[in-house]
Amino acid sequence: MIPAAFEYFAPQSVKEALGLLEKHGDNAKLLAGGHSLLPIMKLRLAQPKVIVDLGRITGLDGIKADGQKIAIGALVTHDAIENNAVLKEKCPLLPETAAVIGDMQVRNRGTIGGSLAHADPAADYPAAVLALDAEVVATGPKGTRTIAGGQFFVEILTTALGPNEIITEVRVPALARGMGAAYMKHPHPASGYAVVGVAAVVTMSGGKCERAAIGITGVAGKAYRATAVEKALAGQTLDEATVAKAAAHAADGVDPQGDLYASAQFRAHLASVYTKRAVLAAASRAK
């Protein structure tokens, strides 16, 4: 189908984009890579009267290490994240996650900021953002604020962003010595979205798990931290039996979603399976 008619703007700065959002209010939609917005516009499930294309704004497409933090511009593509040398060395979880998003065309155009702002419950980045305790930097009419990753995802397709705010940066930590990370997913065979995706960051000390952080996507209406698994792993030697026992709690406290491809029960089972795999892989890399 053909989208409904709309006005198109291509601002040159964040300030100009914010002005357009303030002027047009609920009638405006932001466009980054377009992989989430354009398909629903073509189906006329969304009919914005104004499109604000962020693609020509300079300064939002860089990756820079700053001490123990790495700043990633909101317009950095999945492909750029997958192949960035700094991230591969200091925060390999993000390149590993980016590498399994969609297909090559999606990775060449899709952006980290657009993906996070859309908050699809089956997207890959949210699991990594939660496991890394990342920060999302949002800019609005009142200035810039930092939102903790754990507070960013509110519910399905809903984030903590204000109506006139734009994601400008994502900050992730550089992994320290003794830390390992991994992302494992069961992709939907048609869409490539995560039926279940698990990001694990494990800190090992003296042969035991000092701390585990586990983000899970695809299971519930939003990505979440598997805190029951994290608590069960703390202080333990991460052999296969111990990890499997802890991973059995991967869907504790959430309401697994079901669809034609995977029932709620199957999703909960996959959450346990992929949590076990991700934790074991992360632990082996930490050593």
Protein backbone atom coordinates (compact mmCIF):
# COMPACT_ATOMS: atom_id res chain seq x y z
CA MET A 1 0.00 0.00 0.00
CA ILE A 2 0.95 3.66 -0.31
CA PRO A 3 1.30 5.76 2.87
CA ALA A 4 -1.14 8.58 3.54
CA ALA A 5 0.05 12.05 2.55
CA PHE A 6 2.47 13.80 4.90
CA GLU A 7 4.80 16.79 5.13
CA TYR A 8 8.52 15.99 5.13
CA PHE A 9 11.23 17.89 7.01
CA ALA A 10 14.98 17.16 7.16
CA PRO A 11 16.40 19.30 9.98
CA GLN A 12 20.13 19.99 10.13
CA SER A 13 20.41 20.05 13.93
CA VAL A 14 18.86 18.55 17.05
CA LYS A 15 17.60 22.01 18.00
CA GLU A 16 15.78 22.35 14.68
CA ALA A 17 14.29 18.86 15.05
CA LEU A 18 13.04 19.66 18.54
CA GLY A 19 11.44 22.84 17.23
CA LEU A 20 9.53 20.83 14.64
CA LEU A 21 8.34 18.37 17.27
CA GLU A 22 7.17 21.21 19.49
CA LYS A 23 5.37 22.89 16.59
CA HIS A 24 3.58 19.84 15.23
CA GLY A 25 3.06 17.84 18.44
CA ASP A 26 1.30 14.51 18.08
CA ASN A 27 1.04 14.95 14.31
CA ALA A 28 4.81 14.45 13.92
CA LYS A 29 6.88 11.27 13.83
CA LEU A 30 10.67 10.97 13.91
CA LEU A 31 12.40 9.01 11.16
CA ALA A 32 15.84 7.46 11.69
CA GLY A 33 16.52 4.22 9.78
CA GLY A 34 12.83 3.80 8.98
CA HIS A 35 12.57 0.03 9.41
CA SER A 36 9.91 0.32 12.10
CA LEU A 37 7.99 3.39 10.96
CA LEU A 38 7.79 2.98 7.17
CA PRO A 39 6.18 -0.51 7.10
CA ILE A 40 3.34 0.53 9.42
CA MET A 41 2.87 3.73 7.40
CA LYS A 42 2.53 1.67 4.23
CA LEU A 43 -0.13 -0.43 5.95
CA ARG A 44 -1.71 2.83 7.18
CA LEU A 45 -1.55 1.61 10.76
CA ALA A 46 0.24 4.92 11.36
CA GLN A 47 -0.69 8.07 9.47
CA PRO A 48 1.49 10.92 10.73
CA LYS A 49 0.91 14.26 9.08
CA VAL A 50 4.54 15.27 9.52
CA ILE A 51 7.78 13.26 9.18
CA VAL A 52 10.93 14.67 10.78
CA ASP A 53 13.92 12.91 9.21
CA LEU A 54 16.93 12.89 11.58
CA GLY A 55 19.31 11.45 8.99
CA ARG A 56 20.95 14.75 8.04
CA ILE A 57 21.83 15.83 11.56
CA THR A 58 25.60 15.75 12.01
CA GLY A 59 27.30 14.56 15.18
CA LEU A 60 24.93 11.69 16.01
CA ASP A 61 26.75 8.97 14.08
CA GLY A 62 30.00 8.59 16.02
CA ILE A 63 31.40 6.09 18.51
CA LYS A 64 33.88 7.37 21.10
CA ALA A 65 35.52 5.83 24.17
CA ASP A 66 35.61 8.18 27.16
CA GLY A 67 37.35 6.51 30.09
CA GLN A 68 35.30 3.51 31.15
CA LYS A 69 32.29 4.57 29.08
CA ILE A 70 31.72 4.33 25.34
CA ALA A 71 29.40 6.90 23.78
CA ILE A 72 27.41 5.76 20.74
CA GLY A 73 25.50 8.32 18.70
CA ALA A 74 21.82 7.62 18.16
CA LEU A 75 22.22 7.44 14.36
CA VAL A 76 24.99 4.83 14.43
CA THR A 77 23.84 1.89 12.31
CA HIS A 78 23.77 -1.74 13.37
CA ASP A 79 26.45 -2.48 10.78
CA ALA A 80 28.74 0.21 12.22
CA ILE A 81 28.29 -1.22 15.72
CA GLU A 82 28.96 -4.75 14.49
CA ASN A 83 32.25 -3.72 12.89
CA ASN A 84 33.54 -1.03 15.26
CA ALA A 85 37.03 -1.84 16.60
CA VAL A 86 36.54 0.04 19.89
CA LEU A 87 33.35 -1.81 20.73
CA LYS A 88 34.81 -5.17 19.69
CA GLU A 89 37.65 -4.65 22.13
CA LYS A 90 35.91 -2.95 25.05
CA CYS A 91 32.24 -3.96 24.83
CA PRO A 92 31.93 -6.96 22.50
CA LEU A 93 28.37 -7.72 23.59
CA LEU A 94 27.00 -4.91 21.41
CA PRO A 95 28.74 -5.99 18.17
CA GLU A 96 27.63 -9.58 18.83
CA THR A 97 24.05 -8.38 19.28
CA ALA A 98 24.11 -6.10 16.24
CA ALA A 99 25.41 -8.93 14.04
CA VAL A 100 22.17 -10.91 14.40
CA ILE A 101 19.72 -8.07 13.82
CA GLY A 102 17.62 -8.60 10.69
CA ASP A 103 19.58 -8.96 7.46
CA MET A 104 22.34 -6.97 5.79
CA GLN A 105 19.95 -4.35 4.40
CA VAL A 106 18.42 -3.77 7.83
CA ARG A 107 21.82 -3.53 9.49
CA ASN A 108 23.03 -1.02 6.92
CA ARG A 109 20.13 1.39 7.55
CA GLY A 110 18.74 0.66 10.99
CA THR A 111 20.05 2.71 13.92
CA ILE A 112 20.51 2.00 17.60
CA GLY A 113 18.55 5.10 18.60
CA GLY A 114 15.62 4.26 16.38
CA SER A 115 15.51 0.68 17.59
CA LEU A 116 15.53 1.66 21.26
CA ALA A 117 12.95 4.42 20.80
CA HIS A 118 10.56 2.00 19.05
CA ALA A 119 10.87 -0.46 21.98
CA ASP A 120 9.70 -3.51 20.09
CA PRO A 121 9.36 -6.31 22.66
CA ALA A 122 11.21 -8.67 20.29
CA ALA A 123 14.08 -6.32 19.39
CA ASP A 124 17.63 -7.41 20.21
CA TYR A 125 19.29 -4.30 21.66
CA PRO A 126 17.06 -3.99 24.75
CA ALA A 127 18.44 -7.21 26.23
CA ALA A 128 22.01 -5.94 25.81
CA VAL A 129 21.16 -2.47 27.14
CA LEU A 130 19.71 -4.01 30.32
CA ALA A 131 22.54 -6.48 30.86
CA LEU A 132 25.14 -3.74 30.41
CA ASP A 133 23.37 -1.24 32.70
CA ALA A 134 23.65 1.16 29.76
CA GLU A 135 22.40 4.74 29.75
CA VAL A 136 20.20 6.48 27.19
CA VAL A 137 20.79 10.20 26.70
CA ALA A 138 17.68 12.14 25.65
CA THR A 139 17.54 15.75 24.52
CA GLY A 140 14.38 17.84 24.77
CA PRO A 141 13.18 21.45 25.06
CA LYS A 142 14.46 21.63 28.66
CA GLY A 143 17.90 20.24 27.85
CA THR A 144 19.60 16.87 28.11
CA ARG A 145 18.94 14.10 30.63
CA THR A 146 20.27 10.60 31.18
CA ILE A 147 17.89 7.67 31.57
CA ALA A 148 19.12 4.43 33.14
CA GLY A 149 18.62 1.45 30.84
CA GLY A 150 16.60 -0.33 33.52
CA GLN A 151 14.09 2.53 33.59
CA PHE A 152 13.90 3.16 29.85
CA PHE A 153 11.51 0.40 28.71
CA VAL A 154 8.06 0.98 30.18
CA GLU A 155 5.79 -1.45 28.31
CA ILE A 156 5.18 -2.68 24.79
CA LEU A 157 6.26 0.01 22.29
CA THR A 158 6.52 2.53 25.15
CA THR A 159 9.62 4.13 26.68
CA ALA A 160 10.47 6.76 29.27
CA LEU A 161 11.09 9.33 26.51
CA GLY A 162 9.03 12.48 26.77
CA PRO A 163 6.78 13.46 23.83
CA ASN A 164 9.27 16.08 22.58
CA GLU A 165 12.51 14.25 23.39
CA ILE A 166 15.00 12.69 21.00
CA ILE A 167 17.57 10.01 21.81
CA THR A 168 20.96 11.53 21.02
CA GLU A 169 23.37 9.03 22.57
CA VAL A 170 23.68 5.62 24.20
CA ARG A 171 26.43 5.04 26.75
CA VAL A 172 27.74 1.57 27.53
CA PRO A 173 30.50 0.50 29.94
CA ALA A 174 33.82 -0.97 28.88
CA LEU A 175 34.05 -4.50 30.28
CA ALA A 176 36.72 -4.87 32.96
CA ARG A 177 39.11 -7.74 33.56
CA GLY A 178 37.29 -10.86 34.72
CA MET A 179 34.10 -9.94 32.85
CA GLY A 180 32.60 -11.83 29.93
CA ALA A 181 29.48 -11.29 27.86
CA ALA A 182 27.36 -13.12 25.32
CA TYR A 183 24.11 -12.72 23.37
CA MET A 184 22.12 -15.76 22.29
CA LYS A 185 18.80 -15.71 20.45
CA HIS A 186 16.18 -17.92 18.85
CA PRO A 187 15.19 -15.88 15.77
CA HIS A 188 11.78 -16.00 14.18
CA PRO A 189 12.35 -17.77 10.84
CA ALA A 190 10.41 -15.15 8.87
CA SER A 191 11.20 -11.82 10.50
CA GLY A 192 14.51 -12.48 12.26
CA TYR A 193 13.16 -10.84 15.41
CA ALA A 194 13.96 -12.55 18.69
CA VAL A 195 11.42 -15.14 19.74
CA VAL A 196 13.74 -15.18 22.75
CA GLY A 197 17.02 -13.30 23.09
CA VAL A 198 19.29 -13.39 26.14
CA ALA A 199 22.21 -11.09 26.91
CA ALA A 200 24.45 -12.13 29.79
CA VAL A 201 27.28 -10.21 31.45
CA VAL A 202 29.20 -12.28 34.00
CA THR A 203 31.94 -11.17 36.38
CA MET A 204 34.17 -14.00 37.59
CA SER A 205 36.51 -13.91 40.57
CA GLY A 206 38.41 -16.82 42.10
CA GLY A 207 36.63 -19.28 39.84
CA LYS A 208 33.17 -18.19 41.01
CA CYS A 209 30.50 -15.83 39.77
CA GLU A 210 30.84 -12.53 41.54
CA ARG A 211 27.97 -10.92 39.65
CA ALA A 212 25.67 -11.73 36.76
CA ALA A 213 23.45 -9.36 34.78
CA ILE A 214 20.94 -10.93 32.39
CA GLY A 215 18.63 -9.12 29.99
CA ILE A 216 15.89 -11.01 28.18
CA THR A 217 13.86 -9.91 25.16
CA GLY A 218 11.07 -11.53 23.16
CA VAL A 219 9.39 -13.26 26.10
CA ALA A 220 7.20 -10.57 27.65
CA GLY A 221 5.68 -7.25 26.62
CA LYS A 222 9.02 -5.57 27.22
CA ALA A 223 12.62 -6.60 27.82
CA TYR A 224 13.46 -7.35 31.45
CA ARG A 225 16.25 -8.31 33.82
CA ALA A 226 16.13 -11.93 34.99
CA THR A 227 16.86 -11.05 38.62
CA ALA A 228 15.95 -14.50 39.98
CA VAL A 229 18.62 -16.05 37.75
CA GLU A 230 21.16 -13.39 38.72
CA LYS A 231 20.64 -14.07 42.42
CA ALA A 232 20.89 -17.84 41.92
CA LEU A 233 24.23 -17.49 40.11
CA ALA A 234 25.93 -15.12 42.55
CA GLY A 235 28.76 -16.80 44.45
CA GLN A 236 28.46 -20.04 42.49
CA THR A 237 30.87 -22.04 40.38
CA LEU A 238 29.33 -21.87 36.95
CA ASP A 239 29.26 -25.50 35.91
CA GLU A 240 26.56 -26.72 33.56
CA ALA A 241 24.29 -28.17 36.25
CA THR A 242 24.41 -25.05 38.43
CA VAL A 243 23.72 -22.75 35.51
CA ALA A 244 20.86 -24.93 34.25
CA LYS A 245 19.22 -24.87 37.70
CA ALA A 246 19.49 -21.08 37.89
CA ALA A 247 18.33 -20.62 34.28
CA ALA A 248 15.10 -22.46 35.05
CA HIS A 249 13.99 -19.18 36.68
CA ALA A 250 14.47 -17.10 33.51
CA ALA A 251 10.75 -16.35 33.14
CA ASP A 252 9.99 -15.85 36.84
CA GLY A 253 7.87 -12.80 37.57
CA VAL A 254 6.85 -12.08 33.96
CA ASP A 255 3.84 -12.93 31.81
CA PRO A 256 5.20 -14.78 28.76
CA GLN A 257 3.48 -13.88 25.49
CA GLY A 258 2.21 -16.45 23.03
CA ASP A 259 1.56 -16.29 19.29
CA LEU A 260 1.11 -18.59 16.28
CA TYR A 261 4.81 -19.43 16.21
CA ALA A 262 5.55 -19.90 19.93
CA SER A 263 3.19 -20.43 22.83
CA ALA A 264 3.76 -18.74 26.18
CA GLN A 265 4.93 -22.07 27.60
CA PHE A 266 7.40 -22.60 24.76
CA ARG A 267 8.77 -19.06 25.15
CA ALA A 268 9.35 -19.65 28.86
CA HIS A 269 11.18 -22.88 28.00
CA LEU A 270 13.32 -21.12 25.39
CA ALA A 271 14.15 -18.42 27.93
CA SER A 272 15.66 -21.05 30.22
CA VAL A 273 17.54 -22.77 27.38
CA TYR A 274 19.07 -19.58 25.97
CA THR A 275 19.84 -18.14 29.39
CA LYS A 276 21.87 -21.23 30.16
CA ARG A 277 23.73 -20.97 26.86
CA ALA A 278 24.42 -17.26 27.21
CA VAL A 279 25.65 -17.52 30.81
CA LEU A 280 27.98 -20.42 30.04
CA ALA A 281 29.38 -18.59 27.01
CA ALA A 282 29.87 -15.37 29.00
CA ALA A 283 31.57 -17.25 31.84
CA SER A 284 33.96 -19.00 29.46
CA ARG A 285 34.91 -15.64 27.94
CA ALA A 286 35.46 -14.13 31.38
CA LYS A 287 38.13 -16.71 32.12
